[in-house]
C-alpha cells in the first residue's frame, strides 16, 4: 500500500460538490460494482440497487474520507459486498435456485450456434457459481471477476491470504466437480464454507 490511492483526488472533488467528479466516479466504478453485485445476486435489478446505494454512500462520505486507513476501492468493494449480503438475507434463498431464473447472457458472436453454445456454457457457470457455498462464491467472484489480488480479496473478506487460498482451492475443485456432471447435480459441499 505504498503507492498513492488513485481515487483520493476524485473523492476530494466530489466532497467539494464538483459535478464532473461525480460523473467520473460513476464511469470509473459503476461497471465493476454492477459486475460484483450481479455475480453475487444473480439479479440485474438488485445489482443496480446495490450500485446505487454504494454511490449514495460515496457521496455521503466523500467529504470526510481519510486517506491512509484503507484504499478507497477496498472500502467501496466492502460496502457493495455488505449490501449484497443484505439483499441475500432479505431474500432468504439461494441465488439462482432455479435454472430457469438464470439471467440470459447475450454474446455478440456472429453465428447463432456459437451464441447458443456460449450462452449454455455461461448459464452452466452461473449455476455452478450459485451452487457454491457463499464464502467460496465470494472468493471466486472477488479474485476472478473483480480481478482483485489475493491480498485485497482476503482483506475484503476479513480473512488471511492462506484462508482465501484454501477457499479458492475448494471452490475451484467444487466448480470442476459440478461442471463435470452432465446435469450439474454434483454436491458442492454446502456444509463447508
N, C-alpha and C. Protein backbone atom coordinates (compact mmCIF):
# COMPACT_ATOMS: atom_id res chain seq x y z
N UNK A 1 0.83 -1.19 0.00
CA UNK A 1 0.00 0.00 0.00
C UNK A 1 0.87 1.25 0.00
N UNK A 2 2.07 1.16 -0.52
CA UNK A 2 2.96 2.31 -0.58
C UNK A 2 2.58 3.25 -1.70
N UNK A 3 1.92 2.75 -2.73
CA UNK A 3 1.54 3.61 -3.84
C UNK A 3 0.32 4.45 -3.45
N UNK A 4 0.22 5.66 -3.96
CA UNK A 4 -0.90 6.53 -3.60
C UNK A 4 -2.22 5.99 -4.14
N UNK A 5 -3.27 6.25 -3.40
CA UNK A 5 -4.62 5.83 -3.79
C UNK A 5 -5.08 6.72 -4.94
N UNK A 6 -5.39 6.13 -6.11
CA UNK A 6 -5.75 6.95 -7.27
C UNK A 6 -7.11 7.64 -7.14
N UNK A 7 -7.91 7.27 -6.15
CA UNK A 7 -9.25 7.83 -6.00
C UNK A 7 -9.33 9.02 -5.04
N UNK A 8 -8.26 9.30 -4.31
CA UNK A 8 -8.31 10.34 -3.28
C UNK A 8 -8.62 11.71 -3.87
N UNK A 9 -7.94 12.07 -4.95
CA UNK A 9 -8.17 13.39 -5.56
C UNK A 9 -9.62 13.51 -6.04
N UNK A 10 -10.12 12.44 -6.61
CA UNK A 10 -11.50 12.43 -7.09
C UNK A 10 -12.49 12.55 -5.94
N UNK A 11 -12.22 11.88 -4.83
CA UNK A 11 -13.09 11.98 -3.64
C UNK A 11 -13.11 13.41 -3.09
N UNK A 12 -11.96 14.04 -3.11
CA UNK A 12 -11.88 15.44 -2.65
C UNK A 12 -12.75 16.32 -3.53
N UNK A 13 -12.68 16.10 -4.84
CA UNK A 13 -13.50 16.90 -5.76
C UNK A 13 -14.99 16.62 -5.55
N UNK A 14 -15.34 15.36 -5.28
CA UNK A 14 -16.75 15.04 -5.00
C UNK A 14 -17.18 15.72 -3.71
N UNK A 15 -16.29 15.70 -2.71
CA UNK A 15 -16.58 16.37 -1.44
C UNK A 15 -16.78 17.86 -1.61
N UNK A 16 -16.20 18.43 -2.68
CA UNK A 16 -16.37 19.85 -2.99
C UNK A 16 -17.53 20.09 -3.95
N UNK A 17 -18.34 19.07 -4.15
CA UNK A 17 -19.56 19.14 -4.98
C UNK A 17 -19.29 19.47 -6.44
N UNK A 18 -18.24 18.91 -7.02
CA UNK A 18 -17.96 19.12 -8.43
C UNK A 18 -18.72 18.08 -9.25
N UNK A 19 -19.67 18.50 -10.09
CA UNK A 19 -20.46 17.55 -10.87
C UNK A 19 -19.62 16.66 -11.79
N UNK A 20 -18.55 17.20 -12.36
CA UNK A 20 -17.71 16.41 -13.26
C UNK A 20 -17.05 15.26 -12.50
N UNK A 21 -16.71 15.50 -11.24
CA UNK A 21 -16.08 14.47 -10.43
C UNK A 21 -17.05 13.32 -10.18
N UNK A 22 -18.31 13.66 -9.96
CA UNK A 22 -19.34 12.63 -9.75
C UNK A 22 -19.46 11.77 -11.01
N UNK A 23 -19.53 12.42 -12.16
CA UNK A 23 -19.62 11.69 -13.43
C UNK A 23 -18.42 10.77 -13.63
N UNK A 24 -17.24 11.27 -13.30
CA UNK A 24 -16.02 10.49 -13.47
C UNK A 24 -16.01 9.28 -12.53
N UNK A 25 -16.48 9.47 -11.28
CA UNK A 25 -16.53 8.37 -10.33
C UNK A 25 -17.50 7.30 -10.81
N UNK A 26 -18.65 7.72 -11.32
CA UNK A 26 -19.64 6.75 -11.82
C UNK A 26 -19.04 5.96 -12.99
N UNK A 27 -18.42 6.65 -13.94
CA UNK A 27 -17.87 5.93 -15.09
C UNK A 27 -16.71 5.03 -14.67
N UNK A 28 -15.99 5.39 -13.63
CA UNK A 28 -14.84 4.60 -13.18
C UNK A 28 -15.27 3.37 -12.38
N UNK A 29 -16.31 3.49 -11.56
CA UNK A 29 -16.64 2.42 -10.61
C UNK A 29 -17.89 1.62 -10.95
N UNK A 30 -18.83 2.19 -11.71
CA UNK A 30 -20.10 1.51 -11.95
C UNK A 30 -19.96 0.13 -12.58
N UNK A 31 -19.17 -0.04 -13.64
CA UNK A 31 -19.10 -1.38 -14.25
C UNK A 31 -18.67 -2.47 -13.28
N UNK A 32 -17.68 -2.18 -12.45
CA UNK A 32 -17.20 -3.21 -11.51
C UNK A 32 -18.21 -3.46 -10.40
N UNK A 33 -18.91 -2.42 -9.94
CA UNK A 33 -19.93 -2.63 -8.91
C UNK A 33 -21.08 -3.47 -9.45
N UNK A 34 -21.51 -3.17 -10.67
CA UNK A 34 -22.60 -3.95 -11.28
C UNK A 34 -22.17 -5.40 -11.49
N UNK A 35 -20.93 -5.60 -11.91
CA UNK A 35 -20.43 -6.96 -12.13
C UNK A 35 -20.38 -7.73 -10.82
N UNK A 36 -19.86 -7.11 -9.78
CA UNK A 36 -19.77 -7.76 -8.47
C UNK A 36 -21.16 -8.14 -7.96
N UNK A 37 -22.06 -7.16 -7.92
CA UNK A 37 -23.40 -7.41 -7.40
C UNK A 37 -24.18 -8.39 -8.28
N UNK A 38 -24.01 -8.26 -9.59
CA UNK A 38 -24.70 -9.16 -10.50
C UNK A 38 -24.27 -10.61 -10.31
N UNK A 39 -22.98 -10.82 -10.13
CA UNK A 39 -22.48 -12.18 -9.94
C UNK A 39 -22.93 -12.76 -8.60
N UNK A 40 -22.97 -11.95 -7.56
CA UNK A 40 -23.34 -12.47 -6.25
C UNK A 40 -24.85 -12.62 -6.09
N UNK A 41 -25.62 -11.74 -6.72
CA UNK A 41 -27.06 -11.75 -6.52
C UNK A 41 -27.82 -12.45 -7.63
N UNK A 42 -27.26 -12.44 -8.83
CA UNK A 42 -27.94 -13.07 -9.96
C UNK A 42 -29.18 -12.34 -10.41
N UNK A 43 -29.28 -11.07 -10.11
CA UNK A 43 -30.45 -10.29 -10.47
C UNK A 43 -29.99 -8.88 -10.85
N UNK A 44 -30.24 -8.50 -12.10
CA UNK A 44 -29.76 -7.21 -12.60
C UNK A 44 -30.38 -6.03 -11.85
N UNK A 45 -31.68 -6.13 -11.51
CA UNK A 45 -32.32 -5.04 -10.78
C UNK A 45 -31.72 -4.86 -9.39
N UNK A 46 -31.49 -5.98 -8.69
CA UNK A 46 -30.88 -5.89 -7.37
C UNK A 46 -29.44 -5.38 -7.48
N UNK A 47 -28.74 -5.78 -8.53
CA UNK A 47 -27.37 -5.30 -8.73
C UNK A 47 -27.36 -3.78 -8.91
N UNK A 48 -28.32 -3.27 -9.68
CA UNK A 48 -28.41 -1.80 -9.86
C UNK A 48 -28.73 -1.11 -8.53
N UNK A 49 -29.60 -1.73 -7.72
CA UNK A 49 -29.92 -1.16 -6.40
C UNK A 49 -28.67 -1.09 -5.53
N UNK A 50 -27.87 -2.15 -5.54
CA UNK A 50 -26.64 -2.18 -4.75
C UNK A 50 -25.67 -1.10 -5.24
N UNK A 51 -25.52 -0.98 -6.55
CA UNK A 51 -24.62 0.05 -7.10
C UNK A 51 -25.11 1.44 -6.71
N UNK A 52 -26.41 1.67 -6.82
CA UNK A 52 -26.95 2.98 -6.47
C UNK A 52 -26.71 3.30 -4.99
N UNK A 53 -26.98 2.34 -4.13
CA UNK A 53 -26.76 2.57 -2.69
C UNK A 53 -25.27 2.78 -2.40
N UNK A 54 -24.40 2.07 -3.11
CA UNK A 54 -22.96 2.26 -2.93
C UNK A 54 -22.55 3.68 -3.29
N UNK A 55 -23.10 4.20 -4.41
CA UNK A 55 -22.77 5.58 -4.81
C UNK A 55 -23.33 6.59 -3.81
N UNK A 56 -24.50 6.31 -3.27
CA UNK A 56 -25.04 7.22 -2.25
C UNK A 56 -24.09 7.30 -1.05
N UNK A 57 -23.52 6.17 -0.71
CA UNK A 57 -22.57 6.17 0.42
C UNK A 57 -21.28 6.90 0.07
N UNK A 58 -20.88 6.83 -1.20
CA UNK A 58 -19.70 7.60 -1.63
C UNK A 58 -19.97 9.08 -1.43
N UNK A 59 -21.12 9.54 -1.94
CA UNK A 59 -21.41 10.99 -1.84
C UNK A 59 -21.48 11.40 -0.37
N UNK A 60 -22.07 10.53 0.45
CA UNK A 60 -22.23 10.85 1.87
C UNK A 60 -20.89 10.96 2.59
N UNK A 61 -19.92 10.10 2.22
CA UNK A 61 -18.66 10.04 2.95
C UNK A 61 -17.49 10.71 2.24
N UNK A 62 -17.68 11.21 1.05
CA UNK A 62 -16.55 11.76 0.27
C UNK A 62 -15.85 12.91 0.99
N UNK A 63 -16.62 13.81 1.55
CA UNK A 63 -16.01 14.99 2.18
C UNK A 63 -15.22 14.62 3.44
N UNK A 64 -15.58 13.52 4.08
CA UNK A 64 -14.91 13.15 5.33
C UNK A 64 -13.95 11.97 5.17
N UNK A 65 -13.69 11.57 3.92
CA UNK A 65 -12.81 10.41 3.69
C UNK A 65 -11.41 10.71 4.17
N UNK A 66 -10.81 9.77 4.89
CA UNK A 66 -9.45 9.93 5.40
C UNK A 66 -8.54 8.93 4.70
N UNK A 67 -7.61 9.46 3.96
CA UNK A 67 -6.66 8.59 3.25
C UNK A 67 -5.75 7.91 4.25
N UNK A 68 -5.30 6.72 3.90
CA UNK A 68 -4.33 6.04 4.74
C UNK A 68 -4.90 4.89 5.53
N UNK A 69 -6.18 4.96 5.91
CA UNK A 69 -6.76 3.87 6.70
C UNK A 69 -7.01 2.65 5.81
N UNK A 70 -7.51 2.88 4.62
CA UNK A 70 -7.75 1.80 3.65
C UNK A 70 -7.82 2.44 2.28
N UNK A 71 -7.57 1.65 1.26
CA UNK A 71 -7.74 2.17 -0.10
C UNK A 71 -9.23 2.37 -0.33
N UNK A 72 -9.56 3.40 -1.05
CA UNK A 72 -10.97 3.69 -1.31
C UNK A 72 -11.65 2.53 -2.03
N UNK A 73 -10.98 1.95 -3.01
CA UNK A 73 -11.56 0.85 -3.78
C UNK A 73 -11.88 -0.35 -2.88
N UNK A 74 -11.01 -0.62 -1.92
CA UNK A 74 -11.25 -1.71 -0.97
C UNK A 74 -12.49 -1.41 -0.14
N UNK A 75 -12.60 -0.19 0.35
CA UNK A 75 -13.77 0.22 1.14
C UNK A 75 -15.04 0.09 0.29
N UNK A 76 -14.98 0.55 -0.94
CA UNK A 76 -16.17 0.51 -1.81
C UNK A 76 -16.60 -0.93 -2.08
N UNK A 77 -15.65 -1.82 -2.32
CA UNK A 77 -15.99 -3.24 -2.52
C UNK A 77 -16.62 -3.82 -1.25
N UNK A 78 -16.11 -3.46 -0.09
CA UNK A 78 -16.67 -3.96 1.17
C UNK A 78 -18.11 -3.47 1.33
N UNK A 79 -18.35 -2.21 1.00
CA UNK A 79 -19.72 -1.66 1.06
C UNK A 79 -20.64 -2.45 0.14
N UNK A 80 -20.20 -2.66 -1.09
CA UNK A 80 -21.03 -3.39 -2.06
C UNK A 80 -21.27 -4.83 -1.60
N UNK A 81 -20.24 -5.49 -1.07
CA UNK A 81 -20.43 -6.86 -0.56
C UNK A 81 -21.45 -6.89 0.56
N UNK A 82 -21.34 -5.96 1.49
CA UNK A 82 -22.28 -5.91 2.61
C UNK A 82 -23.71 -5.69 2.11
N UNK A 83 -23.88 -4.81 1.12
CA UNK A 83 -25.21 -4.57 0.57
C UNK A 83 -25.74 -5.83 -0.12
N UNK A 84 -24.86 -6.56 -0.81
CA UNK A 84 -25.28 -7.82 -1.43
C UNK A 84 -25.75 -8.81 -0.37
N UNK A 85 -24.99 -8.91 0.72
CA UNK A 85 -25.39 -9.82 1.80
C UNK A 85 -26.75 -9.41 2.39
N UNK A 86 -26.97 -8.11 2.50
CA UNK A 86 -28.27 -7.64 2.98
C UNK A 86 -29.39 -8.12 2.06
N UNK A 87 -29.17 -8.00 0.76
CA UNK A 87 -30.18 -8.46 -0.21
C UNK A 87 -30.40 -9.96 -0.10
N UNK A 88 -29.32 -10.72 0.04
CA UNK A 88 -29.44 -12.17 0.14
C UNK A 88 -30.17 -12.56 1.43
N UNK A 89 -29.87 -11.86 2.52
CA UNK A 89 -30.57 -12.16 3.78
C UNK A 89 -32.05 -11.87 3.66
N UNK A 90 -32.39 -10.76 3.00
CA UNK A 90 -33.81 -10.43 2.83
C UNK A 90 -34.51 -11.47 1.97
N UNK A 91 -33.81 -11.99 1.02
CA UNK A 91 -34.37 -13.00 0.12
C UNK A 91 -34.56 -14.34 0.81
N UNK A 92 -33.62 -14.64 1.71
CA UNK A 92 -33.60 -15.92 2.44
C UNK A 92 -33.69 -17.11 1.51
N UNK A 93 -33.01 -16.99 0.40
CA UNK A 93 -32.95 -18.12 -0.52
C UNK A 93 -31.63 -18.09 -1.24
N UNK A 94 -31.29 -19.16 -1.82
CA UNK A 94 -30.06 -19.29 -2.58
C UNK A 94 -30.23 -18.57 -3.91
N UNK A 95 -29.25 -17.75 -4.35
CA UNK A 95 -29.40 -17.11 -5.65
C UNK A 95 -29.43 -18.16 -6.75
N UNK A 96 -30.24 -17.89 -7.73
CA UNK A 96 -30.36 -18.76 -8.90
C UNK A 96 -30.76 -20.18 -8.50
N UNK A 97 -31.73 -20.28 -7.59
CA UNK A 97 -32.16 -21.60 -7.11
C UNK A 97 -32.74 -22.43 -8.26
N UNK A 98 -33.32 -21.79 -9.24
CA UNK A 98 -33.93 -22.49 -10.35
C UNK A 98 -33.19 -22.09 -11.62
N UNK A 99 -32.76 -23.07 -12.38
CA UNK A 99 -32.00 -22.78 -13.61
C UNK A 99 -32.81 -21.91 -14.56
N UNK A 100 -34.16 -21.95 -14.48
CA UNK A 100 -34.98 -21.12 -15.36
C UNK A 100 -34.88 -19.65 -15.00
N UNK A 101 -34.41 -19.34 -13.78
CA UNK A 101 -34.31 -17.96 -13.34
C UNK A 101 -32.97 -17.33 -13.70
N UNK A 102 -32.09 -18.08 -14.32
CA UNK A 102 -30.78 -17.53 -14.68
C UNK A 102 -30.93 -16.39 -15.67
N UNK A 103 -30.15 -15.33 -15.49
CA UNK A 103 -30.23 -14.24 -16.45
C UNK A 103 -29.72 -14.70 -17.81
N UNK A 104 -30.34 -14.20 -18.85
CA UNK A 104 -29.90 -14.54 -20.19
C UNK A 104 -28.62 -13.77 -20.49
N UNK A 105 -27.63 -14.47 -20.96
CA UNK A 105 -26.36 -13.85 -21.29
C UNK A 105 -26.33 -13.62 -22.79
N UNK A 106 -26.05 -12.37 -23.17
CA UNK A 106 -26.01 -12.03 -24.58
C UNK A 106 -24.56 -12.05 -25.04
N UNK A 107 -24.30 -12.84 -26.06
CA UNK A 107 -22.96 -12.97 -26.63
C UNK A 107 -23.00 -12.40 -28.05
N UNK A 108 -22.14 -11.41 -28.36
CA UNK A 108 -22.20 -10.79 -29.68
C UNK A 108 -21.57 -11.63 -30.79
N UNK A 109 -21.35 -12.91 -30.56
CA UNK A 109 -20.77 -13.77 -31.61
C UNK A 109 -21.68 -13.75 -32.84
N UNK A 110 -21.09 -13.75 -34.02
CA UNK A 110 -21.88 -13.60 -35.23
C UNK A 110 -22.74 -14.80 -35.58
N UNK A 111 -22.33 -16.01 -35.21
CA UNK A 111 -23.08 -17.20 -35.61
C UNK A 111 -24.04 -17.63 -34.51
N UNK A 112 -25.28 -17.93 -34.85
CA UNK A 112 -26.28 -18.30 -33.84
C UNK A 112 -25.90 -19.52 -33.02
N UNK A 113 -25.32 -20.55 -33.65
CA UNK A 113 -24.96 -21.75 -32.88
C UNK A 113 -23.87 -21.45 -31.86
N UNK A 114 -22.96 -20.54 -32.21
CA UNK A 114 -21.94 -20.13 -31.26
C UNK A 114 -22.57 -19.37 -30.10
N UNK A 115 -23.57 -18.56 -30.41
CA UNK A 115 -24.28 -17.84 -29.36
C UNK A 115 -24.96 -18.81 -28.40
N UNK A 116 -25.59 -19.84 -28.94
CA UNK A 116 -26.27 -20.82 -28.10
C UNK A 116 -25.27 -21.58 -27.22
N UNK A 117 -24.16 -21.98 -27.81
CA UNK A 117 -23.14 -22.71 -27.05
C UNK A 117 -22.56 -21.82 -25.94
N UNK A 118 -22.23 -20.58 -26.28
CA UNK A 118 -21.67 -19.67 -25.28
C UNK A 118 -22.68 -19.39 -24.18
N UNK A 119 -23.93 -19.23 -24.54
CA UNK A 119 -24.97 -18.98 -23.55
C UNK A 119 -25.14 -20.18 -22.62
N UNK A 120 -25.10 -21.37 -23.18
CA UNK A 120 -25.23 -22.58 -22.36
C UNK A 120 -24.05 -22.71 -21.39
N UNK A 121 -22.84 -22.44 -21.89
CA UNK A 121 -21.66 -22.50 -21.02
C UNK A 121 -21.75 -21.46 -19.91
N UNK A 122 -22.17 -20.26 -20.27
CA UNK A 122 -22.28 -19.19 -19.28
C UNK A 122 -23.35 -19.53 -18.23
N UNK A 123 -24.48 -20.04 -18.68
CA UNK A 123 -25.54 -20.42 -17.74
C UNK A 123 -25.06 -21.54 -16.83
N UNK A 124 -24.31 -22.48 -17.39
CA UNK A 124 -23.79 -23.58 -16.59
C UNK A 124 -22.81 -23.04 -15.53
N UNK A 125 -21.96 -22.08 -15.93
CA UNK A 125 -21.03 -21.49 -14.97
C UNK A 125 -21.76 -20.69 -13.91
N UNK A 126 -22.78 -19.94 -14.31
CA UNK A 126 -23.57 -19.17 -13.34
C UNK A 126 -24.25 -20.11 -12.35
N UNK A 127 -24.79 -21.21 -12.84
CA UNK A 127 -25.43 -22.19 -11.97
C UNK A 127 -24.39 -22.82 -11.04
N UNK A 128 -23.21 -23.11 -11.57
CA UNK A 128 -22.15 -23.69 -10.75
C UNK A 128 -21.72 -22.71 -9.66
N UNK A 129 -21.58 -21.42 -10.01
CA UNK A 129 -21.24 -20.40 -9.02
C UNK A 129 -22.33 -20.31 -7.95
N UNK A 130 -23.57 -20.33 -8.38
CA UNK A 130 -24.69 -20.21 -7.45
C UNK A 130 -24.76 -21.40 -6.51
N UNK A 131 -24.28 -22.56 -6.95
CA UNK A 131 -24.34 -23.76 -6.13
C UNK A 131 -23.21 -23.80 -5.09
N UNK A 132 -22.21 -22.94 -5.24
CA UNK A 132 -21.11 -22.92 -4.27
C UNK A 132 -21.58 -22.36 -2.93
N UNK A 133 -20.95 -22.78 -1.84
CA UNK A 133 -21.19 -22.11 -0.56
C UNK A 133 -20.85 -20.62 -0.70
N UNK A 134 -21.52 -19.80 0.07
CA UNK A 134 -21.42 -18.34 -0.06
C UNK A 134 -19.98 -17.82 -0.02
N UNK A 135 -19.18 -18.28 0.93
CA UNK A 135 -17.82 -17.76 1.07
C UNK A 135 -16.94 -18.18 -0.12
N UNK A 136 -17.13 -19.40 -0.62
CA UNK A 136 -16.37 -19.83 -1.79
C UNK A 136 -16.76 -19.00 -3.00
N UNK A 137 -18.05 -18.73 -3.18
CA UNK A 137 -18.51 -17.92 -4.31
C UNK A 137 -17.93 -16.52 -4.20
N UNK A 138 -17.94 -15.97 -3.00
CA UNK A 138 -17.39 -14.62 -2.80
C UNK A 138 -15.91 -14.58 -3.17
N UNK A 139 -15.15 -15.58 -2.76
CA UNK A 139 -13.71 -15.61 -3.07
C UNK A 139 -13.49 -15.69 -4.58
N UNK A 140 -14.24 -16.54 -5.26
CA UNK A 140 -14.10 -16.68 -6.72
C UNK A 140 -14.46 -15.37 -7.42
N UNK A 141 -15.57 -14.76 -7.03
CA UNK A 141 -16.01 -13.52 -7.68
C UNK A 141 -14.99 -12.40 -7.47
N UNK A 142 -14.49 -12.26 -6.25
CA UNK A 142 -13.53 -11.19 -5.98
C UNK A 142 -12.23 -11.39 -6.76
N UNK A 143 -11.74 -12.62 -6.82
CA UNK A 143 -10.46 -12.81 -7.49
C UNK A 143 -10.59 -12.87 -9.01
N UNK A 144 -11.52 -13.66 -9.53
CA UNK A 144 -11.58 -13.87 -10.97
C UNK A 144 -12.41 -12.82 -11.71
N UNK A 145 -13.52 -12.42 -11.16
CA UNK A 145 -14.39 -11.49 -11.87
C UNK A 145 -14.09 -10.04 -11.52
N UNK A 146 -13.70 -9.77 -10.28
CA UNK A 146 -13.35 -8.41 -9.89
C UNK A 146 -11.85 -8.15 -10.05
N UNK A 147 -11.09 -9.20 -10.32
CA UNK A 147 -9.66 -9.12 -10.58
C UNK A 147 -8.87 -8.49 -9.43
N UNK A 148 -9.28 -8.81 -8.20
CA UNK A 148 -8.55 -8.34 -7.03
C UNK A 148 -7.41 -9.30 -6.73
N UNK A 149 -6.35 -8.79 -6.17
CA UNK A 149 -5.25 -9.65 -5.76
C UNK A 149 -5.70 -10.47 -4.56
N UNK A 150 -4.94 -11.51 -4.24
CA UNK A 150 -5.26 -12.33 -3.06
C UNK A 150 -5.26 -11.48 -1.80
N UNK A 151 -4.32 -10.56 -1.71
CA UNK A 151 -4.23 -9.71 -0.52
C UNK A 151 -5.47 -8.83 -0.40
N UNK A 152 -5.89 -8.21 -1.51
CA UNK A 152 -7.07 -7.35 -1.49
C UNK A 152 -8.34 -8.15 -1.19
N UNK A 153 -8.48 -9.30 -1.84
CA UNK A 153 -9.67 -10.12 -1.62
C UNK A 153 -9.73 -10.63 -0.18
N UNK A 154 -8.59 -11.06 0.35
CA UNK A 154 -8.55 -11.53 1.74
C UNK A 154 -8.92 -10.41 2.70
N UNK A 155 -8.42 -9.20 2.44
CA UNK A 155 -8.74 -8.06 3.31
C UNK A 155 -10.24 -7.76 3.26
N UNK A 156 -10.84 -7.81 2.07
CA UNK A 156 -12.28 -7.56 1.95
C UNK A 156 -13.09 -8.60 2.70
N UNK A 157 -12.62 -9.83 2.70
CA UNK A 157 -13.36 -10.92 3.35
C UNK A 157 -13.00 -11.05 4.84
N UNK A 158 -12.06 -10.23 5.30
CA UNK A 158 -11.61 -10.28 6.69
C UNK A 158 -11.04 -11.64 7.06
N UNK A 159 -10.23 -12.20 6.16
CA UNK A 159 -9.58 -13.48 6.41
C UNK A 159 -8.12 -13.37 5.99
N UNK A 160 -7.33 -14.35 6.35
CA UNK A 160 -5.92 -14.35 5.94
C UNK A 160 -5.81 -14.77 4.48
N UNK A 161 -4.68 -14.49 3.88
CA UNK A 161 -4.43 -14.89 2.49
C UNK A 161 -4.45 -16.42 2.40
N UNK A 162 -3.89 -17.10 3.41
CA UNK A 162 -3.92 -18.57 3.40
C UNK A 162 -5.35 -19.08 3.42
N UNK A 163 -6.23 -18.46 4.22
CA UNK A 163 -7.63 -18.88 4.27
C UNK A 163 -8.31 -18.63 2.93
N UNK A 164 -7.99 -17.49 2.30
CA UNK A 164 -8.55 -17.20 0.98
C UNK A 164 -8.10 -18.25 -0.03
N UNK A 165 -6.83 -18.58 -0.03
CA UNK A 165 -6.32 -19.57 -0.97
C UNK A 165 -6.97 -20.93 -0.75
N UNK A 166 -7.24 -21.26 0.49
CA UNK A 166 -7.94 -22.50 0.81
C UNK A 166 -9.37 -22.47 0.26
N UNK A 167 -10.06 -21.34 0.45
CA UNK A 167 -11.41 -21.18 -0.10
C UNK A 167 -11.39 -21.29 -1.62
N UNK A 168 -10.42 -20.64 -2.26
CA UNK A 168 -10.32 -20.69 -3.72
C UNK A 168 -10.06 -22.11 -4.20
N UNK A 169 -9.21 -22.81 -3.50
CA UNK A 169 -8.89 -24.19 -3.88
C UNK A 169 -10.14 -25.06 -3.80
N UNK A 170 -10.88 -24.96 -2.70
CA UNK A 170 -12.12 -25.75 -2.55
C UNK A 170 -13.14 -25.33 -3.60
N UNK A 171 -13.23 -24.02 -3.85
CA UNK A 171 -14.21 -23.52 -4.82
C UNK A 171 -13.90 -24.04 -6.22
N UNK A 172 -12.63 -23.99 -6.62
CA UNK A 172 -12.25 -24.49 -7.95
C UNK A 172 -12.52 -25.99 -8.06
N UNK A 173 -12.20 -26.73 -7.00
CA UNK A 173 -12.45 -28.17 -7.00
C UNK A 173 -13.96 -28.44 -7.12
N UNK A 174 -14.76 -27.69 -6.37
CA UNK A 174 -16.22 -27.85 -6.43
C UNK A 174 -16.76 -27.47 -7.80
N UNK A 175 -16.23 -26.40 -8.38
CA UNK A 175 -16.69 -25.98 -9.71
C UNK A 175 -16.36 -27.06 -10.75
N UNK A 176 -15.14 -27.59 -10.68
CA UNK A 176 -14.76 -28.66 -11.62
C UNK A 176 -15.70 -29.85 -11.47
N UNK A 177 -16.00 -30.23 -10.24
CA UNK A 177 -16.88 -31.35 -9.98
C UNK A 177 -18.28 -31.08 -10.54
N UNK A 178 -18.79 -29.89 -10.28
CA UNK A 178 -20.12 -29.52 -10.75
C UNK A 178 -20.17 -29.51 -12.28
N UNK A 179 -19.18 -28.90 -12.88
CA UNK A 179 -19.17 -28.77 -14.34
C UNK A 179 -18.91 -30.10 -15.04
N UNK A 180 -18.30 -31.06 -14.34
CA UNK A 180 -18.05 -32.37 -14.92
C UNK A 180 -19.30 -33.23 -14.95
N UNK A 181 -20.25 -32.94 -14.07
CA UNK A 181 -21.50 -33.70 -14.02
C UNK A 181 -22.37 -33.28 -15.19
N UNK A 182 -22.95 -34.24 -15.93
CA UNK A 182 -23.77 -33.90 -17.09
C UNK A 182 -24.97 -33.03 -16.76
N UNK A 183 -25.57 -33.23 -15.61
CA UNK A 183 -26.77 -32.45 -15.27
C UNK A 183 -26.47 -31.38 -14.24
N UNK A 184 -25.20 -31.22 -13.85
CA UNK A 184 -24.86 -30.22 -12.86
C UNK A 184 -25.42 -30.53 -11.50
N UNK A 185 -25.48 -31.83 -11.15
CA UNK A 185 -26.08 -32.22 -9.89
C UNK A 185 -25.05 -32.53 -8.81
N UNK A 186 -23.80 -32.24 -9.06
CA UNK A 186 -22.76 -32.55 -8.07
C UNK A 186 -23.02 -31.78 -6.78
N UNK A 187 -22.75 -32.43 -5.66
CA UNK A 187 -22.86 -31.79 -4.36
C UNK A 187 -21.62 -30.92 -4.17
N UNK A 188 -21.83 -29.62 -4.02
CA UNK A 188 -20.69 -28.71 -3.92
C UNK A 188 -20.32 -28.42 -2.48
N UNK A 189 -20.65 -29.29 -1.59
CA UNK A 189 -20.19 -29.11 -0.21
C UNK A 189 -20.84 -27.96 0.49
N UNK A 190 -22.16 -27.86 0.42
CA UNK A 190 -22.88 -26.75 1.06
C UNK A 190 -22.54 -26.60 2.53
N UNK A 191 -22.16 -27.67 3.17
CA UNK A 191 -21.87 -27.57 4.60
C UNK A 191 -20.51 -26.99 4.89
N UNK A 192 -19.64 -26.88 3.86
CA UNK A 192 -18.29 -26.36 4.08
C UNK A 192 -18.17 -24.98 3.47
N UNK A 193 -17.72 -23.97 4.24
CA UNK A 193 -17.60 -22.61 3.69
C UNK A 193 -16.50 -22.46 2.73
